Amino acid sequence: MSKRRRRIFSREFKLSAIGRMLGGEDTKALARELRVDPKHLHQWCHRFRIGGAEGVRQAGRPRKPVVSEEERAKTRTTDLASARKYVAELEAKIGQQQVDLDFFRQALRQVREARRPSEGPGVRASTRSSKR
């Protein structure tokens, strides 16, 4: 089983193909001539219509945006503030859960104390089943 290698097309190549497509050339014939999948031609044309020449991506992997130290520091302080807020919310939730847990433990204790014992002296034995 052979692996097909991915072809990389430059922005100029894509813009040229888009120009020919918008000029009225047949998409299938153009795709055969350029040895490109017609699906790619349509995608390039769609991106061109939405974002112009800048909407057509450059060949290769997009670069990461350059972030200044000031923006990084601002992001860190914002992240720290939101993390502290989140921790406070979680602590409040844990406190409420502890209150609920204490309530249910107390209720269970009262139910157990109020229940009659099922064993011991003076307690009736279980009744026979209704099935004969």
C-alpha atoms as a PDB file:
ATOM      1  CA  MET A   1       0.000   0.000   0.000  1.00  0.00           C
ATOM      2  CA  SER A   2       1.674   3.213  -1.130  1.00  0.00           C
ATOM      3  CA  LYS A   3       1.302   6.450   0.769  1.00  0.00           C
ATOM      4  CA  ARG A   4       0.485   9.511  -1.284  1.00  0.00           C
ATOM      5  CA  ARG A   5       2.546  12.533  -0.533  1.00  0.00           C
ATOM      6  CA  ARG A   6       0.706  15.739   0.178  1.00  0.00           C
ATOM      7  CA  ARG A   7       1.288  18.439  -2.402  1.00  0.00           C
ATOM      8  CA  ILE A   8       1.823  21.982  -1.185  1.00  0.00           C
ATOM      9  CA  PHE A   9       0.609  24.845  -3.352  1.00  0.00           C
ATOM     10  CA  SER A  10       1.870  28.401  -3.058  1.00  0.00           C
ATOM     11  CA  ARG A  11      -0.509  31.312  -2.602  1.00  0.00           C
ATOM     12  CA  GLU A  12       0.402  32.563  -6.090  1.00  0.00           C
ATOM     13  CA  PHE A  13      -0.524  29.198  -7.614  1.00  0.00           C
ATOM     14  CA  LYS A  14      -3.853  29.232  -5.794  1.00  0.00           C
ATOM     15  CA  LEU A  15      -4.618  32.835  -6.828  1.00  0.00           C
ATOM     16  CA  SER A  16      -3.781  32.005 -10.423  1.00  0.00           C
ATOM     17  CA  ALA A  17      -6.129  29.017 -10.370  1.00  0.00           C
ATOM     18  CA  ILE A  18      -8.852  31.116  -8.724  1.00  0.00           C
ATOM     19  CA  GLY A  19      -8.472  33.794 -11.382  1.00  0.00           C
ATOM     20  CA  ARG A  20      -8.881  31.239 -14.128  1.00  0.00           C
ATOM     21  CA  MET A  21     -11.915  29.730 -12.413  1.00  0.00           C
ATOM     22  CA  LEU A  22     -13.552  33.120 -11.942  1.00  0.00           C
ATOM     23  CA  GLY A  23     -12.666  33.884 -15.555  1.00  0.00           C
ATOM     24  CA  GLY A  24     -15.055  31.145 -16.623  1.00  0.00           C
ATOM     25  CA  GLU A  25     -12.826  28.139 -17.240  1.00  0.00           C
ATOM     26  CA  ASP A  26     -14.327  24.702 -16.663  1.00  0.00           C
ATOM     27  CA  THR A  27     -13.465  23.502 -13.159  1.00  0.00           C
ATOM     28  CA  LYS A  28     -12.967  19.855 -14.086  1.00  0.00           C
ATOM     29  CA  ALA A  29     -10.703  20.665 -17.016  1.00  0.00           C
ATOM     30  CA  LEU A  30      -8.718  23.126 -14.913  1.00  0.00           C
ATOM     31  CA  ALA A  31      -8.369  20.568 -12.127  1.00  0.00           C
ATOM     32  CA  ARG A  32      -7.081  17.951 -14.585  1.00  0.00           C
ATOM     33  CA  GLU A  33      -4.630  20.416 -16.129  1.00  0.00           C
ATOM     34  CA  LEU A  34      -3.255  21.582 -12.774  1.00  0.00           C
ATOM     35  CA  ARG A  35      -3.501  18.076 -11.266  1.00  0.00           C
ATOM     36  CA  VAL A  36      -5.540  19.372  -8.330  1.00  0.00           C
ATOM     37  CA  ASP A  37      -8.679  17.951  -6.770  1.00  0.00           C
ATOM     38  CA  PRO A  38     -11.692  20.047  -7.889  1.00  0.00           C
ATOM     39  CA  LYS A  39     -12.752  20.144  -4.238  1.00  0.00           C
ATOM     40  CA  HIS A  40      -9.600  22.148  -3.454  1.00  0.00           C
ATOM     41  CA  LEU A  41     -10.307  24.598  -6.256  1.00  0.00           C
ATOM     42  CA  HIS A  42     -13.775  25.236  -4.866  1.00  0.00           C
ATOM     43  CA  GLN A  43     -12.405  25.667  -1.328  1.00  0.00           C
ATOM     44  CA  TRP A  44      -9.799  28.169  -2.532  1.00  0.00           C
ATOM     45  CA  CYS A  45     -12.427  30.087  -4.490  1.00  0.00           C
ATOM     46  CA  HIS A  46     -14.745  30.159  -1.464  1.00  0.00           C
ATOM     47  CA  ARG A  47     -11.973  31.479   0.794  1.00  0.00           C
ATOM     48  CA  PHE A  48     -11.112  34.089  -1.831  1.00  0.00           C
ATOM     49  CA  ARG A  49     -14.713  35.309  -1.963  1.00  0.00           C
ATOM     50  CA  ILE A  50     -14.873  35.592   1.828  1.00  0.00           C
ATOM     51  CA  GLY A  51     -11.479  37.105   2.620  1.00  0.00           C
ATOM     52  CA  GLY A  52      -9.956  38.228  -0.663  1.00  0.00           C
ATOM     53  CA  ALA A  53      -6.351  37.372  -1.436  1.00  0.00           C
ATOM     54  CA  GLU A  54      -5.552  37.329   2.304  1.00  0.00           C
ATOM     55  CA  GLY A  55      -8.272  34.703   2.803  1.00  0.00           C
ATOM     56  CA  VAL A  56      -6.323  32.249   0.668  1.00  0.00           C
ATOM     57  CA  ARG A  57      -3.897  30.542   2.988  1.00  0.00           C
ATOM     58  CA  GLN A  58      -0.185  30.490   2.388  1.00  0.00           C
ATOM     59  CA  ALA A  59       1.361  27.105   1.737  1.00  0.00           C
ATOM     60  CA  GLY A  60       2.484  25.179   4.792  1.00  0.00           C
ATOM     61  CA  ARG A  61       1.536  25.282   8.437  1.00  0.00           C
ATOM     62  CA  PRO A  62       0.290  28.642   9.743  1.00  0.00           C
ATOM     63  CA  ARG A  63       2.727  30.408  12.041  1.00  0.00           C
ATOM     64  CA  LYS A  64       1.967  31.103  15.669  1.00  0.00           C
ATOM     65  CA  PRO A  65       1.185  34.745  16.349  1.00  0.00           C
ATOM     66  CA  VAL A  66       3.939  36.723  18.045  1.00  0.00           C
ATOM     67  CA  VAL A  67       2.838  37.794  21.529  1.00  0.00           C
ATOM     68  CA  SER A  68       4.618  40.564  23.418  1.00  0.00           C
ATOM     69  CA  GLU A  69       5.712  40.206  27.035  1.00  0.00           C
ATOM     70  CA  GLU A  70       3.135  42.815  28.115  1.00  0.00           C
ATOM     71  CA  GLU A  71       0.303  40.798  26.569  1.00  0.00           C
ATOM     72  CA  ARG A  72       1.667  37.627  28.154  1.00  0.00           C
ATOM     73  CA  ALA A  73       1.817  39.288  31.598  1.00  0.00           C
ATOM     74  CA  LYS A  74      -1.738  40.630  31.175  1.00  0.00           C
ATOM     75  CA  THR A  75      -2.952  37.155  30.233  1.00  0.00           C
ATOM     76  CA  ARG A  76      -1.234  35.656  33.273  1.00  0.00           C
ATOM     77  CA  THR A  77      -2.842  38.130  35.683  1.00  0.00           C
ATOM     78  CA  THR A  78      -6.229  37.593  34.065  1.00  0.00           C
ATOM     79  CA  ASP A  79      -5.735  33.829  34.275  1.00  0.00           C
ATOM     80  CA  LEU A  80      -4.669  34.101  37.914  1.00  0.00           C
ATOM     81  CA  ALA A  81      -7.693  36.225  38.824  1.00  0.00           C
ATOM     82  CA  SER A  82     -10.086  33.853  37.061  1.00  0.00           C
ATOM     83  CA  ALA A  83      -8.394  30.850  38.712  1.00  0.00           C
ATOM     84  CA  ARG A  84      -8.803  32.437  42.166  1.00  0.00           C
ATOM     85  CA  LYS A  85     -12.448  33.149  41.439  1.00  0.00           C
ATOM     86  CA  TYR A  86     -12.958  29.548  40.294  1.00  0.00           C
ATOM     87  CA  VAL A  87     -11.265  28.202  43.440  1.00  0.00           C
ATOM     88  CA  ALA A  88     -13.523  30.381  45.614  1.00  0.00           C
ATOM     89  CA  GLU A  89     -16.607  29.054  43.790  1.00  0.00           C
ATOM     90  CA  LEU A  90     -15.431  25.467  44.298  1.00  0.00           C
ATOM     91  CA  GLU A  91     -14.770  26.066  47.991  1.00  0.00           C
ATOM     92  CA  ALA A  92     -18.281  27.492  48.402  1.00  0.00           C
ATOM     93  CA  LYS A  93     -19.719  24.469  46.631  1.00  0.00           C
ATOM     94  CA  ILE A  94     -17.756  22.099  48.882  1.00  0.00           C
ATOM     95  CA  GLY A  95     -19.035  23.969  51.947  1.00  0.00           C
ATOM     96  CA  GLN A  96     -22.638  23.608  50.773  1.00  0.00           C
ATOM     97  CA  GLN A  97     -22.112  19.921  50.085  1.00  0.00           C
ATOM     98  CA  GLN A  98     -20.722  19.469  53.602  1.00  0.00           C
ATOM     99  CA  VAL A  99     -23.819  21.146  55.085  1.00  0.00           C
ATOM    100  CA  ASP A 100     -26.058  18.853  53.010  1.00  0.00           C
ATOM    101  CA  LEU A 101     -24.054  15.792  54.039  1.00  0.00           C
ATOM    102  CA  ASP A 102     -24.322  16.695  57.738  1.00  0.00           C
ATOM    103  CA  PHE A 103     -28.089  17.183  57.362  1.00  0.00           C
ATOM    104  CA  PHE A 104     -28.600  13.788  55.742  1.00  0.00           C
ATOM    105  CA  ARG A 105     -26.381  12.026  58.289  1.00  0.00           C
ATOM    106  CA  GLN A 106     -28.456  13.512  61.124  1.00  0.00           C
ATOM    107  CA  ALA A 107     -31.719  12.523  59.389  1.00  0.00           C
ATOM    108  CA  LEU A 108     -30.454   8.964  58.876  1.00  0.00           C
ATOM    109  CA  ARG A 109     -29.429   8.746  62.526  1.00  0.00           C
ATOM    110  CA  GLN A 110     -32.933   9.852  63.631  1.00  0.00           C
ATOM    111  CA  VAL A 111     -34.598   7.332  61.321  1.00  0.00           C
ATOM    112  CA  ARG A 112     -32.434   4.502  62.679  1.00  0.00           C
ATOM    113  CA  GLU A 113     -33.232   5.451  66.274  1.00  0.00           C
ATOM    114  CA  ALA A 114     -36.984   5.650  65.610  1.00  0.00           C
ATOM    115  CA  ARG A 115     -37.149   2.265  63.899  1.00  0.00           C
ATOM    116  CA  ARG A 116     -38.323  -0.684  65.950  1.00  0.00           C
ATOM    117  CA  PRO A 117     -35.840  -3.442  66.599  1.00  0.00           C
ATOM    118  CA  SER A 118     -36.431  -6.553  64.534  1.00  0.00           C
ATOM    119  CA  GLU A 119     -34.655  -8.947  66.907  1.00  0.00           C
ATOM    120  CA  GLY A 120     -34.621  -9.554  70.608  1.00  0.00           C
ATOM    121  CA  PRO A 121     -36.962 -10.560  73.409  1.00  0.00           C
ATOM    122  CA  GLY A 122     -40.639  -9.739  72.913  1.00  0.00           C
ATOM    123  CA  VAL A 123     -40.339  -9.250  69.197  1.00  0.00           C
ATOM    124  CA  ARG A 124     -42.698 -11.199  66.985  1.00  0.00           C
ATOM    125  CA  ALA A 125     -41.188 -13.607  64.546  1.00  0.00           C
ATOM    126  CA  SER A 126     -41.635 -12.932  60.863  1.00  0.00           C
ATOM    127  CA  THR A 127     -44.941 -14.018  59.412  1.00  0.00           C
ATOM    128  CA  ARG A 128     -45.342 -16.844  56.981  1.00  0.00           C
ATOM    129  CA  SER A 129     -45.567 -16.028  53.350  1.00  0.00           C
ATOM    130  CA  SER A 130     -49.000 -15.903  51.742  1.00  0.00           C
ATOM    131  CA  LYS A 131     -47.988 -18.628  49.323  1.00  0.00           C
ATOM    132  CA  ARG A 132     -48.961 -22.151  50.390  1.00  0.00           C
END
